[in-house]
Amino acid sequence: MVTKRVNILGVPIDPVTSTEALDRIETFIASKLPHQVATVNPEFIMAAQDNQTFHEILQTTNLNIADGVGVRAAASFLATPIPAVVTGVDLLTDIARQGAQKGWGLYLVGGRPNVASMAA
């Protein structure tokens, strides 16, 4: 079930739990089409205020997850609660765990030599 996105300073956030996020990601993978997921923290929301390109990207992603209690607090203040904080680290761990069970491939990119292999 897709619920209505919460708007925080023009940045849409999907009010999902970690299980719901993982279910949506599994659906994205099954579709074999590209999808973009962002784990939006307060810094993302503030950066989007000054960077139009970044703002537009966050408006067109397929799934924006609340990554931080600040995002959840802002949503509550706006009377549009988000059920859970789902950090990017926790989500990636869940994706890797489920991916290992279902045979998904993960592509890791690191900025410095050996970063991706160390993460793997």
N, C-alpha and C. Protein backbone atom coordinates (compact mmCIF):
# COMPACT_ATOMS: atom_id res chain seq x y z
N MET A 1 0.84 -1.18 0.00
CA MET A 1 0.00 0.00 0.00
C MET A 1 0.88 1.24 0.00
N VAL A 2 0.65 2.14 -0.91
CA VAL A 2 1.40 3.38 -0.99
C VAL A 2 0.59 4.46 -0.28
N THR A 3 1.21 5.10 0.70
CA THR A 3 0.53 6.16 1.43
C THR A 3 0.99 7.51 0.93
N LYS A 4 0.21 8.53 1.25
CA LYS A 4 0.52 9.87 0.80
C LYS A 4 1.82 10.36 1.45
N ARG A 5 2.64 11.00 0.65
CA ARG A 5 3.91 11.52 1.12
C ARG A 5 3.70 12.73 2.03
N VAL A 6 4.60 12.87 2.99
CA VAL A 6 4.61 14.00 3.90
C VAL A 6 5.54 15.05 3.30
N ASN A 7 5.11 16.31 3.27
CA ASN A 7 5.90 17.38 2.69
C ASN A 7 6.58 18.18 3.80
N ILE A 8 7.92 18.14 3.82
CA ILE A 8 8.69 18.91 4.80
C ILE A 8 9.56 19.89 4.03
N LEU A 9 9.18 21.16 4.09
CA LEU A 9 9.89 22.23 3.37
C LEU A 9 10.08 21.89 1.88
N GLY A 10 9.04 21.31 1.29
CA GLY A 10 9.08 20.99 -0.13
C GLY A 10 9.74 19.67 -0.48
N VAL A 11 10.19 18.93 0.53
CA VAL A 11 10.81 17.63 0.30
C VAL A 11 9.82 16.54 0.72
N PRO A 12 9.42 15.68 -0.21
CA PRO A 12 8.48 14.62 0.13
C PRO A 12 9.15 13.48 0.89
N ILE A 13 8.47 13.01 1.93
CA ILE A 13 8.95 11.88 2.73
C ILE A 13 7.85 10.83 2.74
N ASP A 14 8.23 9.58 2.49
CA ASP A 14 7.27 8.49 2.54
C ASP A 14 7.15 7.98 3.97
N PRO A 15 5.95 7.99 4.53
CA PRO A 15 5.77 7.54 5.91
C PRO A 15 5.74 6.01 6.01
N VAL A 16 6.93 5.41 6.03
CA VAL A 16 7.02 3.95 6.03
C VAL A 16 7.89 3.45 7.19
N THR A 17 7.62 2.22 7.58
CA THR A 17 8.48 1.53 8.53
C THR A 17 9.60 0.86 7.74
N SER A 18 10.55 0.27 8.43
CA SER A 18 11.64 -0.42 7.73
C SER A 18 11.10 -1.60 6.93
N THR A 19 10.13 -2.32 7.46
CA THR A 19 9.54 -3.45 6.74
C THR A 19 8.83 -2.98 5.48
N GLU A 20 8.08 -1.89 5.58
CA GLU A 20 7.39 -1.35 4.42
C GLU A 20 8.38 -0.85 3.36
N ALA A 21 9.45 -0.21 3.81
CA ALA A 21 10.47 0.27 2.88
C ALA A 21 11.10 -0.92 2.15
N LEU A 22 11.44 -1.95 2.88
CA LEU A 22 12.05 -3.13 2.27
C LEU A 22 11.09 -3.82 1.31
N ASP A 23 9.81 -3.86 1.65
CA ASP A 23 8.81 -4.44 0.74
C ASP A 23 8.74 -3.65 -0.56
N ARG A 24 8.77 -2.31 -0.46
CA ARG A 24 8.73 -1.49 -1.67
C ARG A 24 9.98 -1.70 -2.52
N ILE A 25 11.12 -1.79 -1.85
CA ILE A 25 12.37 -2.00 -2.57
C ILE A 25 12.35 -3.36 -3.27
N GLU A 26 11.81 -4.36 -2.62
CA GLU A 26 11.69 -5.67 -3.26
C GLU A 26 10.81 -5.58 -4.51
N THR A 27 9.74 -4.80 -4.43
CA THR A 27 8.87 -4.59 -5.59
C THR A 27 9.64 -3.87 -6.70
N PHE A 28 10.44 -2.87 -6.33
CA PHE A 28 11.25 -2.16 -7.32
C PHE A 28 12.20 -3.13 -8.03
N ILE A 29 12.86 -3.98 -7.26
CA ILE A 29 13.81 -4.93 -7.83
C ILE A 29 13.09 -5.91 -8.76
N ALA A 30 11.93 -6.39 -8.33
CA ALA A 30 11.17 -7.34 -9.13
C ALA A 30 10.72 -6.74 -10.46
N SER A 31 10.51 -5.42 -10.49
CA SER A 31 10.06 -4.76 -11.73
C SER A 31 11.16 -4.71 -12.78
N LYS A 32 12.41 -4.88 -12.35
CA LYS A 32 13.58 -4.82 -13.24
C LYS A 32 13.73 -3.46 -13.93
N LEU A 33 13.13 -2.45 -13.34
CA LEU A 33 13.26 -1.07 -13.82
C LEU A 33 14.06 -0.26 -12.80
N PRO A 34 14.73 0.78 -13.24
CA PRO A 34 15.48 1.59 -12.28
C PRO A 34 14.56 2.40 -11.37
N HIS A 35 14.94 2.48 -10.13
CA HIS A 35 14.23 3.27 -9.13
C HIS A 35 15.28 3.98 -8.27
N GLN A 36 14.89 5.10 -7.71
CA GLN A 36 15.80 5.83 -6.84
C GLN A 36 15.19 5.93 -5.45
N VAL A 37 16.01 5.59 -4.45
CA VAL A 37 15.61 5.65 -3.05
C VAL A 37 16.56 6.61 -2.35
N ALA A 38 16.02 7.49 -1.52
CA ALA A 38 16.85 8.41 -0.74
C ALA A 38 16.52 8.25 0.74
N THR A 39 17.56 8.23 1.55
CA THR A 39 17.37 8.24 3.00
C THR A 39 17.59 9.68 3.44
N VAL A 40 16.50 10.39 3.61
CA VAL A 40 16.50 11.84 3.81
C VAL A 40 16.67 12.18 5.29
N ASN A 41 17.74 12.90 5.57
CA ASN A 41 17.96 13.40 6.94
C ASN A 41 17.73 14.91 6.94
N PRO A 42 17.77 15.56 8.11
CA PRO A 42 17.54 17.00 8.15
C PRO A 42 18.53 17.79 7.28
N GLU A 43 19.76 17.31 7.18
CA GLU A 43 20.75 18.00 6.36
C GLU A 43 20.34 17.99 4.88
N PHE A 44 19.74 16.89 4.42
CA PHE A 44 19.24 16.82 3.04
C PHE A 44 18.17 17.89 2.83
N ILE A 45 17.24 17.97 3.77
CA ILE A 45 16.14 18.93 3.64
C ILE A 45 16.67 20.36 3.59
N MET A 46 17.63 20.67 4.43
CA MET A 46 18.19 22.02 4.44
C MET A 46 19.00 22.28 3.17
N ALA A 47 19.78 21.31 2.71
CA ALA A 47 20.56 21.48 1.49
C ALA A 47 19.64 21.70 0.29
N ALA A 48 18.49 21.04 0.29
CA ALA A 48 17.54 21.18 -0.82
C ALA A 48 16.96 22.58 -0.90
N GLN A 49 17.02 23.32 0.20
CA GLN A 49 16.50 24.69 0.18
C GLN A 49 17.39 25.61 -0.65
N ASP A 50 18.68 25.30 -0.72
CA ASP A 50 19.63 26.15 -1.44
C ASP A 50 20.11 25.56 -2.76
N ASN A 51 19.78 24.30 -3.02
CA ASN A 51 20.27 23.63 -4.21
C ASN A 51 19.07 23.11 -5.00
N GLN A 52 18.70 23.84 -6.03
CA GLN A 52 17.49 23.51 -6.81
C GLN A 52 17.58 22.13 -7.45
N THR A 53 18.75 21.77 -7.96
CA THR A 53 18.91 20.46 -8.59
C THR A 53 18.67 19.35 -7.58
N PHE A 54 19.26 19.47 -6.40
CA PHE A 54 19.07 18.47 -5.35
C PHE A 54 17.60 18.43 -4.93
N HIS A 55 16.98 19.58 -4.82
CA HIS A 55 15.56 19.66 -4.47
C HIS A 55 14.71 18.90 -5.49
N GLU A 56 15.00 19.11 -6.77
CA GLU A 56 14.25 18.43 -7.83
C GLU A 56 14.47 16.92 -7.79
N ILE A 57 15.69 16.50 -7.50
CA ILE A 57 15.97 15.06 -7.40
C ILE A 57 15.14 14.44 -6.29
N LEU A 58 15.11 15.09 -5.12
CA LEU A 58 14.35 14.55 -3.99
C LEU A 58 12.85 14.53 -4.27
N GLN A 59 12.39 15.39 -5.16
CA GLN A 59 10.96 15.40 -5.51
C GLN A 59 10.61 14.30 -6.50
N THR A 60 11.60 13.73 -7.17
CA THR A 60 11.31 12.72 -8.19
C THR A 60 11.74 11.32 -7.81
N THR A 61 12.30 11.13 -6.63
CA THR A 61 12.69 9.79 -6.20
C THR A 61 11.45 8.92 -6.02
N ASN A 62 11.65 7.62 -6.09
CA ASN A 62 10.54 6.69 -5.92
C ASN A 62 10.22 6.42 -4.45
N LEU A 63 11.22 6.62 -3.60
CA LEU A 63 11.02 6.37 -2.17
C LEU A 63 11.97 7.26 -1.39
N ASN A 64 11.41 8.11 -0.53
CA ASN A 64 12.21 8.95 0.37
C ASN A 64 11.91 8.52 1.80
N ILE A 65 12.93 8.02 2.45
CA ILE A 65 12.77 7.47 3.79
C ILE A 65 13.26 8.47 4.83
N ALA A 66 12.56 8.56 5.95
CA ALA A 66 12.93 9.47 7.04
C ALA A 66 14.14 8.90 7.77
N ASP A 67 15.29 9.49 7.53
CA ASP A 67 16.54 9.04 8.16
C ASP A 67 16.94 10.07 9.21
N GLY A 68 16.31 9.99 10.36
CA GLY A 68 16.67 10.88 11.45
C GLY A 68 15.46 11.31 12.24
N VAL A 69 15.67 11.47 13.54
CA VAL A 69 14.57 11.88 14.40
C VAL A 69 14.12 13.31 14.10
N GLY A 70 15.02 14.12 13.53
CA GLY A 70 14.64 15.48 13.16
C GLY A 70 13.57 15.50 12.09
N VAL A 71 13.68 14.61 11.13
CA VAL A 71 12.68 14.51 10.07
C VAL A 71 11.36 14.04 10.66
N ARG A 72 11.43 13.07 11.53
CA ARG A 72 10.20 12.55 12.16
C ARG A 72 9.56 13.62 13.05
N ALA A 73 10.37 14.38 13.77
CA ALA A 73 9.86 15.45 14.63
C ALA A 73 9.19 16.54 13.79
N ALA A 74 9.81 16.91 12.68
CA ALA A 74 9.22 17.92 11.80
C ALA A 74 7.87 17.46 11.26
N ALA A 75 7.78 16.19 10.89
CA ALA A 75 6.52 15.65 10.39
C ALA A 75 5.44 15.69 11.48
N SER A 76 5.82 15.35 12.69
CA SER A 76 4.87 15.39 13.80
C SER A 76 4.40 16.82 14.06
N PHE A 77 5.34 17.76 14.00
CA PHE A 77 5.01 19.17 14.18
C PHE A 77 3.99 19.62 13.13
N LEU A 78 4.10 19.09 11.92
CA LEU A 78 3.19 19.42 10.83
C LEU A 78 1.90 18.59 10.88
N ALA A 79 1.74 17.80 11.94
CA ALA A 79 0.55 16.95 12.14
C ALA A 79 0.42 15.90 11.03
N THR A 80 1.57 15.46 10.51
CA THR A 80 1.60 14.39 9.50
C THR A 80 2.64 13.38 9.94
N PRO A 81 2.32 12.57 10.95
CA PRO A 81 3.32 11.70 11.56
C PRO A 81 3.91 10.66 10.61
N ILE A 82 5.16 10.34 10.88
CA ILE A 82 5.89 9.29 10.19
C ILE A 82 6.08 8.17 11.20
N PRO A 83 5.74 6.93 10.83
CA PRO A 83 5.73 5.85 11.83
C PRO A 83 7.10 5.46 12.40
N ALA A 84 8.18 5.72 11.66
CA ALA A 84 9.48 5.26 12.15
C ALA A 84 10.61 6.00 11.44
N VAL A 85 11.74 6.04 12.13
CA VAL A 85 12.98 6.48 11.51
C VAL A 85 13.64 5.24 10.93
N VAL A 86 14.09 5.32 9.69
CA VAL A 86 14.77 4.21 9.05
C VAL A 86 16.11 4.75 8.55
N THR A 87 17.16 4.44 9.26
CA THR A 87 18.46 4.98 8.86
C THR A 87 18.97 4.28 7.61
N GLY A 88 19.78 5.00 6.87
CA GLY A 88 20.36 4.42 5.66
C GLY A 88 21.20 3.20 5.95
N VAL A 89 21.95 3.24 7.05
CA VAL A 89 22.79 2.10 7.43
C VAL A 89 21.93 0.88 7.73
N ASP A 90 20.87 1.08 8.50
CA ASP A 90 19.99 -0.04 8.83
C ASP A 90 19.29 -0.58 7.58
N LEU A 91 18.86 0.33 6.71
CA LEU A 91 18.20 -0.10 5.48
C LEU A 91 19.14 -0.90 4.59
N LEU A 92 20.36 -0.43 4.44
CA LEU A 92 21.33 -1.15 3.62
C LEU A 92 21.61 -2.54 4.19
N THR A 93 21.70 -2.62 5.51
CA THR A 93 21.91 -3.92 6.16
C THR A 93 20.74 -4.85 5.85
N ASP A 94 19.51 -4.32 5.95
CA ASP A 94 18.32 -5.13 5.66
C ASP A 94 18.30 -5.56 4.19
N ILE A 95 18.66 -4.64 3.28
CA ILE A 95 18.69 -4.97 1.86
C ILE A 95 19.72 -6.07 1.60
N ALA A 96 20.89 -5.94 2.21
CA ALA A 96 21.94 -6.95 2.02
C ALA A 96 21.50 -8.31 2.56
N ARG A 97 20.88 -8.31 3.72
CA ARG A 97 20.41 -9.57 4.33
C ARG A 97 19.36 -10.23 3.45
N GLN A 98 18.34 -9.46 3.05
CA GLN A 98 17.28 -10.03 2.22
C GLN A 98 17.82 -10.38 0.84
N GLY A 99 18.72 -9.55 0.33
CA GLY A 99 19.32 -9.82 -0.98
C GLY A 99 20.10 -11.12 -1.00
N ALA A 100 20.80 -11.40 0.10
CA ALA A 100 21.55 -12.65 0.18
C ALA A 100 20.60 -13.85 0.13
N GLN A 101 19.44 -13.73 0.74
CA GLN A 101 18.46 -14.82 0.74
C GLN A 101 17.78 -14.97 -0.62
N LYS A 102 17.60 -13.86 -1.33
CA LYS A 102 16.83 -13.89 -2.57
C LYS A 102 17.70 -13.83 -3.82
N GLY A 103 19.02 -13.77 -3.64
CA GLY A 103 19.92 -13.77 -4.78
C GLY A 103 20.06 -12.43 -5.48
N TRP A 104 19.81 -11.33 -4.78
CA TRP A 104 19.99 -10.02 -5.37
C TRP A 104 21.47 -9.70 -5.45
N GLY A 105 21.84 -8.93 -6.44
CA GLY A 105 23.21 -8.44 -6.53
C GLY A 105 23.27 -7.01 -6.00
N LEU A 106 24.34 -6.69 -5.31
CA LEU A 106 24.54 -5.33 -4.81
C LEU A 106 25.80 -4.77 -5.45
N TYR A 107 25.74 -3.53 -5.83
CA TYR A 107 26.90 -2.86 -6.41
C TYR A 107 27.31 -1.76 -5.45
N LEU A 108 28.50 -1.87 -4.89
CA LEU A 108 28.99 -0.91 -3.92
C LEU A 108 30.08 -0.06 -4.55
N VAL A 109 29.98 1.24 -4.36
CA VAL A 109 30.96 2.18 -4.90
C VAL A 109 31.60 2.91 -3.74
N GLY A 110 32.91 2.94 -3.73
CA GLY A 110 33.62 3.67 -2.67
C GLY A 110 34.42 4.81 -3.25
N GLY A 111 34.61 5.86 -2.49
CA GLY A 111 35.33 7.03 -2.96
C GLY A 111 36.84 6.86 -2.98
N ARG A 112 37.36 6.13 -2.03
CA ARG A 112 38.80 5.90 -1.96
C ARG A 112 39.09 4.44 -2.28
N PRO A 113 40.34 4.14 -2.64
CA PRO A 113 40.68 2.74 -2.93
C PRO A 113 40.30 1.81 -1.77
N ASN A 114 39.69 0.70 -2.13
CA ASN A 114 39.33 -0.37 -1.20
C ASN A 114 38.11 -0.08 -0.32
N VAL A 115 37.50 1.09 -0.41
CA VAL A 115 36.34 1.39 0.44
C VAL A 115 35.20 0.44 0.13
N ALA A 116 34.88 0.25 -1.15
CA ALA A 116 33.77 -0.64 -1.51
C ALA A 116 34.05 -2.07 -1.09
N SER A 117 35.27 -2.55 -1.29
CA SER A 117 35.55 -3.93 -0.90
C SER A 117 35.50 -4.09 0.62
N MET A 118 35.92 -3.08 1.36
CA MET A 118 35.83 -3.15 2.83
C MET A 118 34.37 -3.16 3.27
N ALA A 119 33.53 -2.38 2.61
CA ALA A 119 32.10 -2.35 2.94
C ALA A 119 31.45 -3.68 2.64
N ALA A 120 31.84 -4.29 1.53
CA ALA A 120 31.28 -5.59 1.16
C ALA A 120 31.63 -6.62 2.20
